[in-house]
Amino acid sequence: MKTRRVFLGALLTTGVATRLAGVLAARQTPNASQEKQNPVESAPETPPQPMDKRILEENQKEIKKKVEKLYDLATELKAEVEKTDSSKVLSLNLVRKAEEIEKLARDIKNRSKG
C-alpha cells in the first residue's frame, strides 16, 4: 500500500512538473497576436543596462535548456511507468527519475522568478 502511495505521489509530482514547464515555456514566448491587439501596452520601455540584458538572456537560455530536459525526463518516466507493473513492484529508477524531475521543476520555477 505504501509503495503504491509513493508511486502515485511521484506520478502526481511529474504531472505537476510537466504542467509547470508548459506554463513557464508559454510565459517566456510572447504571443504575436496579443502584441498587435495592445499596441499601447507594448510601447518600448527604457532599455535595461547591457550587462543586465546579457544576464537575462543567459537566464532565459538556461530556462529553455532545463525545460527541454524536464520534458525528456517526463517522457522517459512515462515510458518507464508503462513498462513497469507498479501494482507488484515499484521501480527504484522510477522514484529517482521522479525526484530528479521535481528538483528540476523547482529550479526552473526559481529561475523564472528571477
PDB file of N, CA and C in Angstrom:
ATOM      1  N   MET A   1       0.824  -1.198   0.000  1.00  0.00           N
ATOM      2  CA  MET A   1       0.000   0.000   0.000  1.00  0.00           C
ATOM      3  C   MET A   1       0.862   1.253   0.000  1.00  0.00           C
ATOM      4  N   LYS A   2       1.946   1.219   0.805  1.00  0.00           N
ATOM      5  CA  LYS A   2       2.796   2.391   0.900  1.00  0.00           C
ATOM      6  C   LYS A   2       3.523   2.641  -0.424  1.00  0.00           C
ATOM      7  N   THR A   3       3.981   1.568  -1.079  1.00  0.00           N
ATOM      8  CA  THR A   3       4.688   1.748  -2.350  1.00  0.00           C
ATOM      9  C   THR A   3       3.755   2.312  -3.411  1.00  0.00           C
ATOM     10  N   ARG A   4       2.513   1.912  -3.365  1.00  0.00           N
ATOM     11  CA  ARG A   4       1.549   2.439  -4.321  1.00  0.00           C
ATOM     12  C   ARG A   4       1.342   3.933  -4.082  1.00  0.00           C
ATOM     13  N   ARG A   5       1.292   4.327  -2.821  1.00  0.00           N
ATOM     14  CA  ARG A   5       1.138   5.739  -2.466  1.00  0.00           C
ATOM     15  C   ARG A   5       2.335   6.552  -2.945  1.00  0.00           C
ATOM     16  N   VAL A   6       3.535   6.000  -2.742  1.00  0.00           N
ATOM     17  CA  VAL A   6       4.758   6.685  -3.187  1.00  0.00           C
ATOM     18  C   VAL A   6       4.746   6.825  -4.697  1.00  0.00           C
ATOM     19  N   PHE A   7       4.364   5.761  -5.376  1.00  0.00           N
ATOM     20  CA  PHE A   7       4.315   5.799  -6.831  1.00  0.00           C
ATOM     21  C   PHE A   7       3.326   6.852  -7.320  1.00  0.00           C
ATOM     22  N   LEU A   8       2.142   6.856  -6.745  1.00  0.00           N
ATOM     23  CA  LEU A   8       1.130   7.825  -7.158  1.00  0.00           C
ATOM     24  C   LEU A   8       1.567   9.255  -6.837  1.00  0.00           C
ATOM     25  N   GLY A   9       2.256   9.419  -5.718  1.00  0.00           N
ATOM     26  CA  GLY A   9       2.784  10.746  -5.386  1.00  0.00           C
ATOM     27  C   GLY A   9       3.822  11.195  -6.396  1.00  0.00           C
ATOM     28  N   ALA A  10       4.699  10.272  -6.798  1.00  0.00           N
ATOM     29  CA  ALA A  10       5.715  10.597  -7.802  1.00  0.00           C
ATOM     30  C   ALA A  10       5.061  10.913  -9.139  1.00  0.00           C
ATOM     31  N   LEU A  11       4.037  10.155  -9.475  1.00  0.00           N
ATOM     32  CA  LEU A  11       3.336  10.390 -10.727  1.00  0.00           C
ATOM     33  C   LEU A  11       2.634  11.747 -10.724  1.00  0.00           C
ATOM     34  N   LEU A  12       2.046  12.103  -9.604  1.00  0.00           N
ATOM     35  CA  LEU A  12       1.390  13.399  -9.467  1.00  0.00           C
ATOM     36  C   LEU A  12       2.415  14.531  -9.570  1.00  0.00           C
ATOM     37  N   THR A  13       3.546  14.345  -8.920  1.00  0.00           N
ATOM     38  CA  THR A  13       4.610  15.344  -8.971  1.00  0.00           C
ATOM     39  C   THR A  13       5.079  15.548 -10.404  1.00  0.00           C
ATOM     40  N   THR A  14       5.206  14.442 -11.146  1.00  0.00           N
ATOM     41  CA  THR A  14       5.626  14.529 -12.534  1.00  0.00           C
ATOM     42  C   THR A  14       4.613  15.305 -13.360  1.00  0.00           C
ATOM     43  N   GLY A  15       3.339  15.025 -13.139  1.00  0.00           N
ATOM     44  CA  GLY A  15       2.307  15.740 -13.876  1.00  0.00           C
ATOM     45  C   GLY A  15       2.331  17.229 -13.590  1.00  0.00           C
ATOM     46  N   VAL A  16       2.502  17.573 -12.332  1.00  0.00           N
ATOM     47  CA  VAL A  16       2.564  18.983 -11.938  1.00  0.00           C
ATOM     48  C   VAL A  16       3.798  19.634 -12.544  1.00  0.00           C
ATOM     49  N   ALA A  17       4.928  18.924 -12.517  1.00  0.00           N
ATOM     50  CA  ALA A  17       6.164  19.475 -13.068  1.00  0.00           C
ATOM     51  C   ALA A  17       6.038  19.698 -14.574  1.00  0.00           C
ATOM     52  N   THR A  18       5.420  18.751 -15.256  1.00  0.00           N
ATOM     53  CA  THR A  18       5.223  18.888 -16.695  1.00  0.00           C
ATOM     54  C   THR A  18       4.318  20.076 -17.001  1.00  0.00           C
ATOM     55  N   ARG A  19       3.248  20.228 -16.244  1.00  0.00           N
ATOM     56  CA  ARG A  19       2.336  21.354 -16.442  1.00  0.00           C
ATOM     57  C   ARG A  19       3.038  22.680 -16.171  1.00  0.00           C
ATOM     58  N   LEU A  20       3.847  22.705 -15.103  1.00  0.00           N
ATOM     59  CA  LEU A  20       4.597  23.908 -14.760  1.00  0.00           C
ATOM     60  C   LEU A  20       5.560  24.281 -15.873  1.00  0.00           C
ATOM     61  N   ALA A  21       6.220  23.283 -16.439  1.00  0.00           N
ATOM     62  CA  ALA A  21       7.153  23.549 -17.534  1.00  0.00           C
ATOM     63  C   ALA A  21       6.421  24.128 -18.736  1.00  0.00           C
ATOM     64  N   GLY A  22       5.243  23.605 -19.028  1.00  0.00           N
ATOM     65  CA  GLY A  22       4.462  24.133 -20.143  1.00  0.00           C
ATOM     66  C   GLY A  22       4.028  25.567 -19.915  1.00  0.00           C
ATOM     67  N   VAL A  23       3.612  25.860 -18.706  1.00  0.00           N
ATOM     68  CA  VAL A  23       3.178  27.215 -18.371  1.00  0.00           C
ATOM     69  C   VAL A  23       4.362  28.178 -18.453  1.00  0.00           C
ATOM     70  N   LEU A  24       5.504  27.763 -17.927  1.00  0.00           N
ATOM     71  CA  LEU A  24       6.682  28.627 -17.969  1.00  0.00           C
ATOM     72  C   LEU A  24       7.158  28.849 -19.396  1.00  0.00           C
ATOM     73  N   ALA A  25       7.121  27.813 -20.214  1.00  0.00           N
ATOM     74  CA  ALA A  25       7.534  27.953 -21.607  1.00  0.00           C
ATOM     75  C   ALA A  25       6.588  28.895 -22.344  1.00  0.00           C
ATOM     76  N   ALA A  26       5.302  28.791 -22.071  1.00  0.00           N
ATOM     77  CA  ALA A  26       4.329  29.664 -22.725  1.00  0.00           C
ATOM     78  C   ALA A  26       4.507  31.112 -22.274  1.00  0.00           C
ATOM     79  N   ARG A  27       4.895  31.294 -21.031  1.00  0.00           N
ATOM     80  CA  ARG A  27       5.082  32.640 -20.494  1.00  0.00           C
ATOM     81  C   ARG A  27       6.330  33.311 -21.076  1.00  0.00           C
ATOM     82  N   GLN A  28       7.317  32.521 -21.456  1.00  0.00           N
ATOM     83  CA  GLN A  28       8.573  33.062 -21.966  1.00  0.00           C
ATOM     84  C   GLN A  28       8.450  33.582 -23.393  1.00  0.00           C
ATOM     85  N   THR A  29       7.550  33.007 -24.185  1.00  0.00           N
ATOM     86  CA  THR A  29       7.414  33.424 -25.575  1.00  0.00           C
ATOM     87  C   THR A  29       6.146  34.247 -25.729  1.00  0.00           C
ATOM     88  N   PRO A  30       6.258  35.540 -26.026  1.00  0.00           N
ATOM     89  CA  PRO A  30       5.066  36.376 -26.166  1.00  0.00           C
ATOM     90  C   PRO A  30       4.284  35.991 -27.421  1.00  0.00           C
ATOM     91  N   ASN A  31       2.985  36.100 -27.336  1.00  0.00           N
ATOM     92  CA  ASN A  31       2.096  35.793 -28.442  1.00  0.00           C
ATOM     93  C   ASN A  31       2.045  37.006 -29.369  1.00  0.00           C
ATOM     94  N   ALA A  32       2.331  36.801 -30.649  1.00  0.00           N
ATOM     95  CA  ALA A  32       2.385  37.905 -31.608  1.00  0.00           C
ATOM     96  C   ALA A  32       1.017  38.576 -31.759  1.00  0.00           C
ATOM     97  N   SER A  33      -0.053  37.806 -31.682  1.00  0.00           N
ATOM     98  CA  SER A  33      -1.379  38.397 -31.853  1.00  0.00           C
ATOM     99  C   SER A  33      -1.727  39.311 -30.685  1.00  0.00           C
ATOM    100  N   GLN A  34      -1.243  38.990 -29.505  1.00  0.00           N
ATOM    101  CA  GLN A  34      -1.503  39.847 -28.348  1.00  0.00           C
ATOM    102  C   GLN A  34      -0.762  41.171 -28.488  1.00  0.00           C
ATOM    103  N   GLU A  35       0.428  41.131 -29.064  1.00  0.00           N
ATOM    104  CA  GLU A  35       1.186  42.371 -29.250  1.00  0.00           C
ATOM    105  C   GLU A  35       0.493  43.294 -30.243  1.00  0.00           C
ATOM    106  N   LYS A  36      -0.135  42.724 -31.264  1.00  0.00           N
ATOM    107  CA  LYS A  36      -0.818  43.535 -32.258  1.00  0.00           C
ATOM    108  C   LYS A  36      -2.095  44.145 -31.692  1.00  0.00           C
ATOM    109  N   GLN A  37      -2.762  43.416 -30.801  1.00  0.00           N
ATOM    110  CA  GLN A  37      -4.011  43.898 -30.236  1.00  0.00           C
ATOM    111  C   GLN A  37      -3.797  45.018 -29.232  1.00  0.00           C
ATOM    112  N   ASN A  38      -2.694  45.016 -28.525  1.00  0.00           N
ATOM    113  CA  ASN A  38      -2.429  46.001 -27.482  1.00  0.00           C
ATOM    114  C   ASN A  38      -1.171  46.813 -27.816  1.00  0.00           C
ATOM    115  N   PRO A  39      -1.230  47.676 -28.823  1.00  0.00           N
ATOM    116  CA  PRO A  39      -0.019  48.424 -29.174  1.00  0.00           C
ATOM    117  C   PRO A  39       0.380  49.430 -28.097  1.00  0.00           C
ATOM    118  N   VAL A  40      -0.563  49.902 -27.320  1.00  0.00           N
ATOM    119  CA  VAL A  40      -0.244  50.874 -26.278  1.00  0.00           C
ATOM    120  C   VAL A  40       0.544  50.208 -25.151  1.00  0.00           C
ATOM    121  N   GLU A  41       0.130  48.998 -24.785  1.00  0.00           N
ATOM    122  CA  GLU A  41       0.796  48.299 -23.703  1.00  0.00           C
ATOM    123  C   GLU A  41       2.184  47.824 -24.088  1.00  0.00           C
ATOM    124  N   SER A  42       2.434  47.588 -25.380  1.00  0.00           N
ATOM    125  CA  SER A  42       3.734  47.085 -25.804  1.00  0.00           C
ATOM    126  C   SER A  42       4.691  48.215 -26.208  1.00  0.00           C
ATOM    127  N   ALA A  43       4.432  49.414 -25.729  1.00  0.00           N
ATOM    128  CA  ALA A  43       5.322  50.531 -26.019  1.00  0.00           C
ATOM    129  C   ALA A  43       6.686  50.246 -25.408  1.00  0.00           C
ATOM    130  N   PRO A  44       7.736  50.598 -26.109  1.00  0.00           N
ATOM    131  CA  PRO A  44       9.074  50.286 -25.606  1.00  0.00           C
ATOM    132  C   PRO A  44       9.360  51.026 -24.298  1.00  0.00           C
ATOM    133  N   GLU A  45       9.893  50.281 -23.376  1.00  0.00           N
ATOM    134  CA  GLU A  45      10.274  50.859 -22.096  1.00  0.00           C
ATOM    135  C   GLU A  45      11.740  51.263 -22.172  1.00  0.00           C
ATOM    136  N   THR A  46      12.247  51.799 -21.096  1.00  0.00           N
ATOM    137  CA  THR A  46      13.656  52.138 -21.088  1.00  0.00           C
ATOM    138  C   THR A  46      14.462  50.857 -21.182  1.00  0.00           C
ATOM    139  N   PRO A  47      15.445  50.813 -22.070  1.00  0.00           N
ATOM    140  CA  PRO A  47      16.206  49.570 -22.237  1.00  0.00           C
ATOM    141  C   PRO A  47      17.040  49.266 -20.994  1.00  0.00           C
ATOM    142  N   PRO A  48      17.143  47.983 -20.630  1.00  0.00           N
ATOM    143  CA  PRO A  48      17.944  47.622 -19.462  1.00  0.00           C
ATOM    144  C   PRO A  48      19.434  47.832 -19.746  1.00  0.00           C
ATOM    145  N   GLN A  49      20.190  47.875 -18.714  1.00  0.00           N
ATOM    146  CA  GLN A  49      21.624  48.028 -18.861  1.00  0.00           C
ATOM    147  C   GLN A  49      22.169  46.840 -19.659  1.00  0.00           C
ATOM    148  N   PRO A  50      23.229  47.035 -20.442  1.00  0.00           N
ATOM    149  CA  PRO A  50      23.757  45.942 -21.270  1.00  0.00           C
ATOM    150  C   PRO A  50      24.101  44.687 -20.463  1.00  0.00           C
ATOM    151  N   MET A  51      24.663  44.853 -19.294  1.00  0.00           N
ATOM    152  CA  MET A  51      25.038  43.688 -18.500  1.00  0.00           C
ATOM    153  C   MET A  51      23.785  42.966 -17.994  1.00  0.00           C
ATOM    154  N   ASP A  52      22.783  43.734 -17.588  1.00  0.00           N
ATOM    155  CA  ASP A  52      21.533  43.125 -17.138  1.00  0.00           C
ATOM    156  C   ASP A  52      20.882  42.339 -18.268  1.00  0.00           C
ATOM    157  N   LYS A  53      20.902  42.897 -19.459  1.00  0.00           N
ATOM    158  CA  LYS A  53      20.302  42.236 -20.610  1.00  0.00           C
ATOM    159  C   LYS A  53      21.019  40.926 -20.911  1.00  0.00           C
ATOM    160  N   ARG A  54      22.326  40.939 -20.826  1.00  0.00           N
ATOM    161  CA  ARG A  54      23.104  39.729 -21.085  1.00  0.00           C
ATOM    162  C   ARG A  54      22.789  38.651 -20.044  1.00  0.00           C
ATOM    163  N   ILE A  55      22.671  39.050 -18.804  1.00  0.00           N
ATOM    164  CA  ILE A  55      22.348  38.097 -17.737  1.00  0.00           C
ATOM    165  C   ILE A  55      20.949  37.521 -17.946  1.00  0.00           C
ATOM    166  N   LEU A  56      20.003  38.378 -18.315  1.00  0.00           N
ATOM    167  CA  LEU A  56      18.640  37.914 -18.563  1.00  0.00           C
ATOM    168  C   LEU A  56      18.582  36.943 -19.750  1.00  0.00           C
ATOM    169  N   GLU A  57      19.360  37.233 -20.797  1.00  0.00           N
ATOM    170  CA  GLU A  57      19.385  36.347 -21.956  1.00  0.00           C
ATOM    171  C   GLU A  57      19.980  34.991 -21.588  1.00  0.00           C
ATOM    172  N   GLU A  58      21.047  34.999 -20.789  1.00  0.00           N
ATOM    173  CA  GLU A  58      21.648  33.737 -20.343  1.00  0.00           C
ATOM    174  C   GLU A  58      20.668  32.959 -19.469  1.00  0.00           C
ATOM    175  N   ASN A  59      19.966  33.677 -18.619  1.00  0.00           N
ATOM    176  CA  ASN A  59      18.979  33.037 -17.759  1.00  0.00           C
ATOM    177  C   ASN A  59      17.870  32.396 -18.597  1.00  0.00           C
ATOM    178  N   GLN A  60      17.432  33.090 -19.624  1.00  0.00           N
ATOM    179  CA  GLN A  60      16.391  32.556 -20.492  1.00  0.00           C
ATOM    180  C   GLN A  60      16.888  31.309 -21.220  1.00  0.00           C
ATOM    181  N   LYS A  61      18.131  31.319 -21.677  1.00  0.00           N
ATOM    182  CA  LYS A  61      18.693  30.146 -22.342  1.00  0.00           C
ATOM    183  C   LYS A  61      18.743  28.958 -21.384  1.00  0.00           C
ATOM    184  N   GLU A  62      19.135  29.218 -20.150  1.00  0.00           N
ATOM    185  CA  GLU A  62      19.192  28.153 -19.143  1.00  0.00           C
ATOM    186  C   GLU A  62      17.798  27.586 -18.873  1.00  0.00           C
ATOM    187  N   ILE A  63      16.817  28.460 -18.779  1.00  0.00           N
ATOM    188  CA  ILE A  63      15.446  28.001 -18.543  1.00  0.00           C
ATOM    189  C   ILE A  63      14.977  27.120 -19.696  1.00  0.00           C
ATOM    190  N   LYS A  64      15.264  27.536 -20.929  1.00  0.00           N
ATOM    191  CA  LYS A  64      14.854  26.745 -22.089  1.00  0.00           C
ATOM    192  C   LYS A  64      15.519  25.372 -22.078  1.00  0.00           C
ATOM    193  N   LYS A  65      16.810  25.322 -21.750  1.00  0.00           N
ATOM    194  CA  LYS A  65      17.526  24.043 -21.678  1.00  0.00           C
ATOM    195  C   LYS A  65      16.910  23.145 -20.618  1.00  0.00           C
ATOM    196  N   LYS A  66      16.620  23.731 -19.466  1.00  0.00           N
ATOM    197  CA  LYS A  66      16.080  22.938 -18.357  1.00  0.00           C
ATOM    198  C   LYS A  66      14.664  22.470 -18.643  1.00  0.00           C
ATOM    199  N   VAL A  67      13.868  23.282 -19.311  1.00  0.00           N
ATOM    200  CA  VAL A  67      12.514  22.860 -19.680  1.00  0.00           C
ATOM    201  C   VAL A  67      12.591  21.703 -20.669  1.00  0.00           C
ATOM    202  N   GLU A  68      13.514  21.781 -21.600  1.00  0.00           N
ATOM    203  CA  GLU A  68      13.696  20.694 -22.564  1.00  0.00           C
ATOM    204  C   GLU A  68      14.112  19.406 -21.843  1.00  0.00           C
ATOM    205  N   LYS A  69      15.037  19.536 -20.896  1.00  0.00           N
ATOM    206  CA  LYS A  69      15.476  18.370 -20.126  1.00  0.00           C
ATOM    207  C   LYS A  69      14.314  17.821 -19.294  1.00  0.00           C
ATOM    208  N   LEU A  70      13.521  18.714 -18.729  1.00  0.00           N
ATOM    209  CA  LEU A  70      12.355  18.298 -17.945  1.00  0.00           C
ATOM    210  C   LEU A  70      11.381  17.512 -18.816  1.00  0.00           C
ATOM    211  N   TYR A  71      11.168  17.984 -20.010  1.00  0.00           N
ATOM    212  CA  TYR A  71      10.276  17.281 -20.937  1.00  0.00           C
ATOM    213  C   TYR A  71      10.811  15.887 -21.252  1.00  0.00           C
ATOM    214  N   ASP A  72      12.126  15.798 -21.524  1.00  0.00           N
ATOM    215  CA  ASP A  72      12.737  14.498 -21.819  1.00  0.00           C
ATOM    216  C   ASP A  72      12.603  13.540 -20.636  1.00  0.00           C
ATOM    217  N   LEU A  73      12.862  14.046 -19.436  1.00  0.00           N
ATOM    218  CA  LEU A  73      12.750  13.199 -18.248  1.00  0.00           C
ATOM    219  C   LEU A  73      11.314  12.733 -18.027  1.00  0.00           C
ATOM    220  N   ALA A  74      10.363  13.618 -18.235  1.00  0.00           N
ATOM    221  CA  ALA A  74       8.962  13.240 -18.061  1.00  0.00           C
ATOM    222  C   ALA A  74       8.558  12.184 -19.089  1.00  0.00           C
ATOM    223  N   THR A  75       9.064  12.298 -20.302  1.00  0.00           N
ATOM    224  CA  THR A  75       8.791  11.307 -21.333  1.00  0.00           C
ATOM    225  C   THR A  75       9.390   9.958 -20.949  1.00  0.00           C
ATOM    226  N   GLU A  76      10.628   9.982 -20.450  1.00  0.00           N
ATOM    227  CA  GLU A  76      11.275   8.751 -20.001  1.00  0.00           C
ATOM    228  C   GLU A  76      10.499   8.125 -18.840  1.00  0.00           C
ATOM    229  N   LEU A  77      10.056   8.959 -17.923  1.00  0.00           N
ATOM    230  CA  LEU A  77       9.305   8.453 -16.781  1.00  0.00           C
ATOM    231  C   LEU A  77       7.991   7.815 -17.243  1.00  0.00           C
ATOM    232  N   LYS A  78       7.341   8.441 -18.195  1.00  0.00           N
ATOM    233  CA  LYS A  78       6.091   7.889 -18.717  1.00  0.00           C
ATOM    234  C   LYS A  78       6.339   6.522 -19.345  1.00  0.00           C
ATOM    235  N   ALA A  79       7.409   6.400 -20.122  1.00  0.00           N
ATOM    236  CA  ALA A  79       7.740   5.120 -20.739  1.00  0.00           C
ATOM    237  C   ALA A  79       8.041   4.064 -19.679  1.00  0.00           C
ATOM    238  N   GLU A  80       8.743   4.464 -18.632  1.00  0.00           N
ATOM    239  CA  GLU A  80       9.071   3.542 -17.536  1.00  0.00           C
ATOM    240  C   GLU A  80       7.806   3.082 -16.817  1.00  0.00           C
ATOM    241  N   VAL A  81       6.877   3.998 -16.598  1.00  0.00           N
ATOM    242  CA  VAL A  81       5.620   3.642 -15.937  1.00  0.00           C
ATOM    243  C   VAL A  81       4.833   2.658 -16.787  1.00  0.00           C
ATOM    244  N   GLU A  82       4.833   2.875 -18.087  1.00  0.00           N
ATOM    245  CA  GLU A  82       4.074   1.997 -18.974  1.00  0.00           C
ATOM    246  C   GLU A  82       4.646   0.587 -19.031  1.00  0.00           C
ATOM    247  N   LYS A  83       5.958   0.438 -18.892  1.00  0.00           N
ATOM    248  CA  LYS A  83       6.544  -0.895 -18.988  1.00  0.00           C
ATOM    249  C   LYS A  83       6.661  -1.597 -17.634  1.00  0.00           C
ATOM    250  N   THR A  84       6.416  -0.892 -16.533  1.00  0.00           N
ATOM    251  CA  THR A  84       6.537  -1.472 -15.205  1.00  0.00           C
ATOM    252  C   THR A  84       5.156  -1.754 -14.633  1.00  0.00           C
ATOM    253  N   ASP A  85       5.019  -2.935 -14.025  1.00  0.00           N
ATOM    254  CA  ASP A  85       3.768  -3.272 -13.337  1.00  0.00           C
ATOM    255  C   ASP A  85       3.895  -2.768 -11.907  1.00  0.00           C
ATOM    256  N   SER A  86       3.419  -1.559 -11.659  1.00  0.00           N
ATOM    257  CA  SER A  86       3.619  -0.912 -10.360  1.00  0.00           C
ATOM    258  C   SER A  86       2.739  -1.494  -9.267  1.00  0.00           C
ATOM    259  N   SER A  87       1.766  -2.321  -9.621  1.00  0.00           N
ATOM    260  CA  SER A  87       0.933  -2.915  -8.586  1.00  0.00           C
ATOM    261  C   SER A  87       1.686  -3.997  -7.818  1.00  0.00           C
ATOM    262  N   LYS A  88       2.772  -4.530  -8.428  1.00  0.00           N
ATOM    263  CA  LYS A  88       3.557  -5.575  -7.778  1.00  0.00           C
ATOM    264  C   LYS A  88       4.916  -5.063  -7.316  1.00  0.00           C
ATOM    265  N   VAL A  89       5.582  -4.282  -8.172  1.00  0.00           N
ATOM    266  CA  VAL A  89       6.937  -3.815  -7.871  1.00  0.00           C
ATOM    267  C   VAL A  89       7.051  -2.343  -8.224  1.00  0.00           C
ATOM    268  N   LEU A  90       7.657  -1.580  -7.341  1.00  0.00           N
ATOM    269  CA  LEU A  90       7.911  -0.170  -7.600  1.00  0.00           C
ATOM    270  C   LEU A  90       9.382  -0.019  -7.977  1.00  0.00           C
ATOM    271  N   SER A  91       9.631   0.472  -9.149  1.00  0.00           N
ATOM    272  CA  SER A  91      10.992   0.613  -9.641  1.00  0.00           C
ATOM    273  C   SER A  91      11.708   1.751  -8.920  1.00  0.00           C
ATOM    274  N   LEU A  92      12.900   1.451  -8.425  1.00  0.00           N
ATOM    275  CA  LEU A  92      13.696   2.476  -7.763  1.00  0.00           C
ATOM    276  C   LEU A  92      14.117   3.551  -8.768  1.00  0.00           C
ATOM    277  N   ASN A  93      14.369   3.117  -9.994  1.00  0.00           N
ATOM    278  CA  ASN A  93      14.719   4.061 -11.050  1.00  0.00           C
ATOM    279  C   ASN A  93      13.582   5.041 -11.296  1.00  0.00           C
ATOM    280  N   LEU A  94      12.361   4.549 -11.203  1.00  0.00           N
ATOM    281  CA  LEU A  94      11.180   5.387 -11.396  1.00  0.00           C
ATOM    282  C   LEU A  94      11.107   6.478 -10.323  1.00  0.00           C
ATOM    283  N   VAL A  95      11.368   6.097  -9.089  1.00  0.00           N
ATOM    284  CA  VAL A  95      11.326   7.057  -7.984  1.00  0.00           C
ATOM    285  C   VAL A  95      12.437   8.086  -8.146  1.00  0.00           C
ATOM    286  N   ARG A  96      13.626   7.633  -8.499  1.00  0.00           N
ATOM    287  CA  ARG A  96      14.759   8.571  -8.685  1.00  0.00           C
ATOM    288  C   ARG A  96      14.477   9.557  -9.806  1.00  0.00           C
ATOM    289  N   LYS A  97      13.913   9.059 -10.899  1.00  0.00           N
ATOM    290  CA  LYS A  97      13.602   9.935 -12.028  1.00  0.00           C
ATOM    291  C   LYS A  97      12.551  10.969 -11.627  1.00  0.00           C
ATOM    292  N   ALA A  98      11.559  10.548 -10.859  1.00  0.00           N
ATOM    293  CA  ALA A  98      10.522  11.480 -10.395  1.00  0.00           C
ATOM    294  C   ALA A  98      11.131  12.545  -9.479  1.00  0.00           C
ATOM    295  N   GLU A  99      12.062  12.143  -8.620  1.00  0.00           N
ATOM    296  CA  GLU A  99      12.725  13.116  -7.746  1.00  0.00           C
ATOM    297  C   GLU A  99      13.568  14.095  -8.553  1.00  0.00           C
ATOM    298  N   GLU A 100      14.237  13.587  -9.588  1.00  0.00           N
ATOM    299  CA  GLU A 100      15.046  14.466 -10.442  1.00  0.00           C
ATOM    300  C   GLU A 100      14.155  15.469 -11.170  1.00  0.00           C
ATOM    301  N   ILE A 101      12.996  15.011 -11.620  1.00  0.00           N
ATOM    302  CA  ILE A 101      12.043  15.897 -12.291  1.00  0.00           C
ATOM    303  C   ILE A 101      11.569  16.976 -11.328  1.00  0.00           C
ATOM    304  N   GLU A 102      11.261  16.572 -10.117  1.00  0.00           N
ATOM    305  CA  GLU A 102      10.790  17.529  -9.111  1.00  0.00           C
ATOM    306  C   GLU A 102      11.857  18.594  -8.828  1.00  0.00           C
ATOM    307  N   LYS A 103      13.101  18.158  -8.691  1.00  0.00           N
ATOM    308  CA  LYS A 103      14.204  19.084  -8.425  1.00  0.00           C
ATOM    309  C   LYS A 103      14.383  20.061  -9.596  1.00  0.00           C
ATOM    310  N   LEU A 104      14.329  19.539 -10.803  1.00  0.00           N
ATOM    311  CA  LEU A 104      14.492  20.370 -11.990  1.00  0.00           C
ATOM    312  C   LEU A 104      13.348  21.376 -12.114  1.00  0.00           C
ATOM    313  N   ALA A 105      12.131  20.945 -11.826  1.00  0.00           N
ATOM    314  CA  ALA A 105      10.974  21.844 -11.894  1.00  0.00           C
ATOM    315  C   ALA A 105      11.109  22.971 -10.870  1.00  0.00           C
ATOM    316  N   ARG A 106      11.597  22.640  -9.684  1.00  0.00           N
ATOM    317  CA  ARG A 106      11.810  23.677  -8.666  1.00  0.00           C
ATOM    318  C   ARG A 106      12.857  24.687  -9.134  1.00  0.00           C
ATOM    319  N   ASP A 107      13.935  24.182  -9.756  1.00  0.00           N
ATOM    320  CA  ASP A 107      14.983  25.072 -10.241  1.00  0.00           C
ATOM    321  C   ASP A 107      14.447  26.001 -11.328  1.00  0.00           C
ATOM    322  N   ILE A 108      13.638  25.456 -12.232  1.00  0.00           N
ATOM    323  CA  ILE A 108      13.038  26.279 -13.287  1.00  0.00           C
ATOM    324  C   ILE A 108      12.140  27.349 -12.672  1.00  0.00           C
ATOM    325  N   LYS A 109      11.364  26.957 -11.689  1.00  0.00           N
ATOM    326  CA  LYS A 109      10.472  27.914 -11.017  1.00  0.00           C
ATOM    327  C   LYS A 109      11.267  29.042 -10.383  1.00  0.00           C
ATOM    328  N   ASN A 110      12.339  28.712  -9.683  1.00  0.00           N
ATOM    329  CA  ASN A 110      13.164  29.735  -9.014  1.00  0.00           C
ATOM    330  C   ASN A 110      13.846  30.644 -10.024  1.00  0.00           C
ATOM    331  N   ARG A 111      14.328  30.084 -11.138  1.00  0.00           N
ATOM    332  CA  ARG A 111      14.976  30.913 -12.157  1.00  0.00           C
ATOM    333  C   ARG A 111      13.973  31.858 -12.822  1.00  0.00           C
ATOM    334  N   SER A 112      12.750  31.383 -13.017  1.00  0.00           N
ATOM    335  CA  SER A 112      11.763  32.233 -13.676  1.00  0.00           C
ATOM    336  C   SER A 112      11.319  33.391 -12.798  1.00  0.00           C
ATOM    337  N   LYS A 113      11.423  33.212 -11.486  1.00  0.00           N
ATOM    338  CA  LYS A 113      11.085  34.303 -10.574  1.00  0.00           C
ATOM    339  C   LYS A 113      12.137  35.396 -10.601  1.00  0.00           C
ATOM    340  N   GLY A 114      13.365  35.004 -10.915  1.00  0.00           N
ATOM    341  CA  GLY A 114      14.418  35.998 -11.027  1.00  0.00           C
ATOM    342  C   GLY A 114      15.382  36.035  -9.932  1.00  0.00           C
TER     343      GLY A 114
END
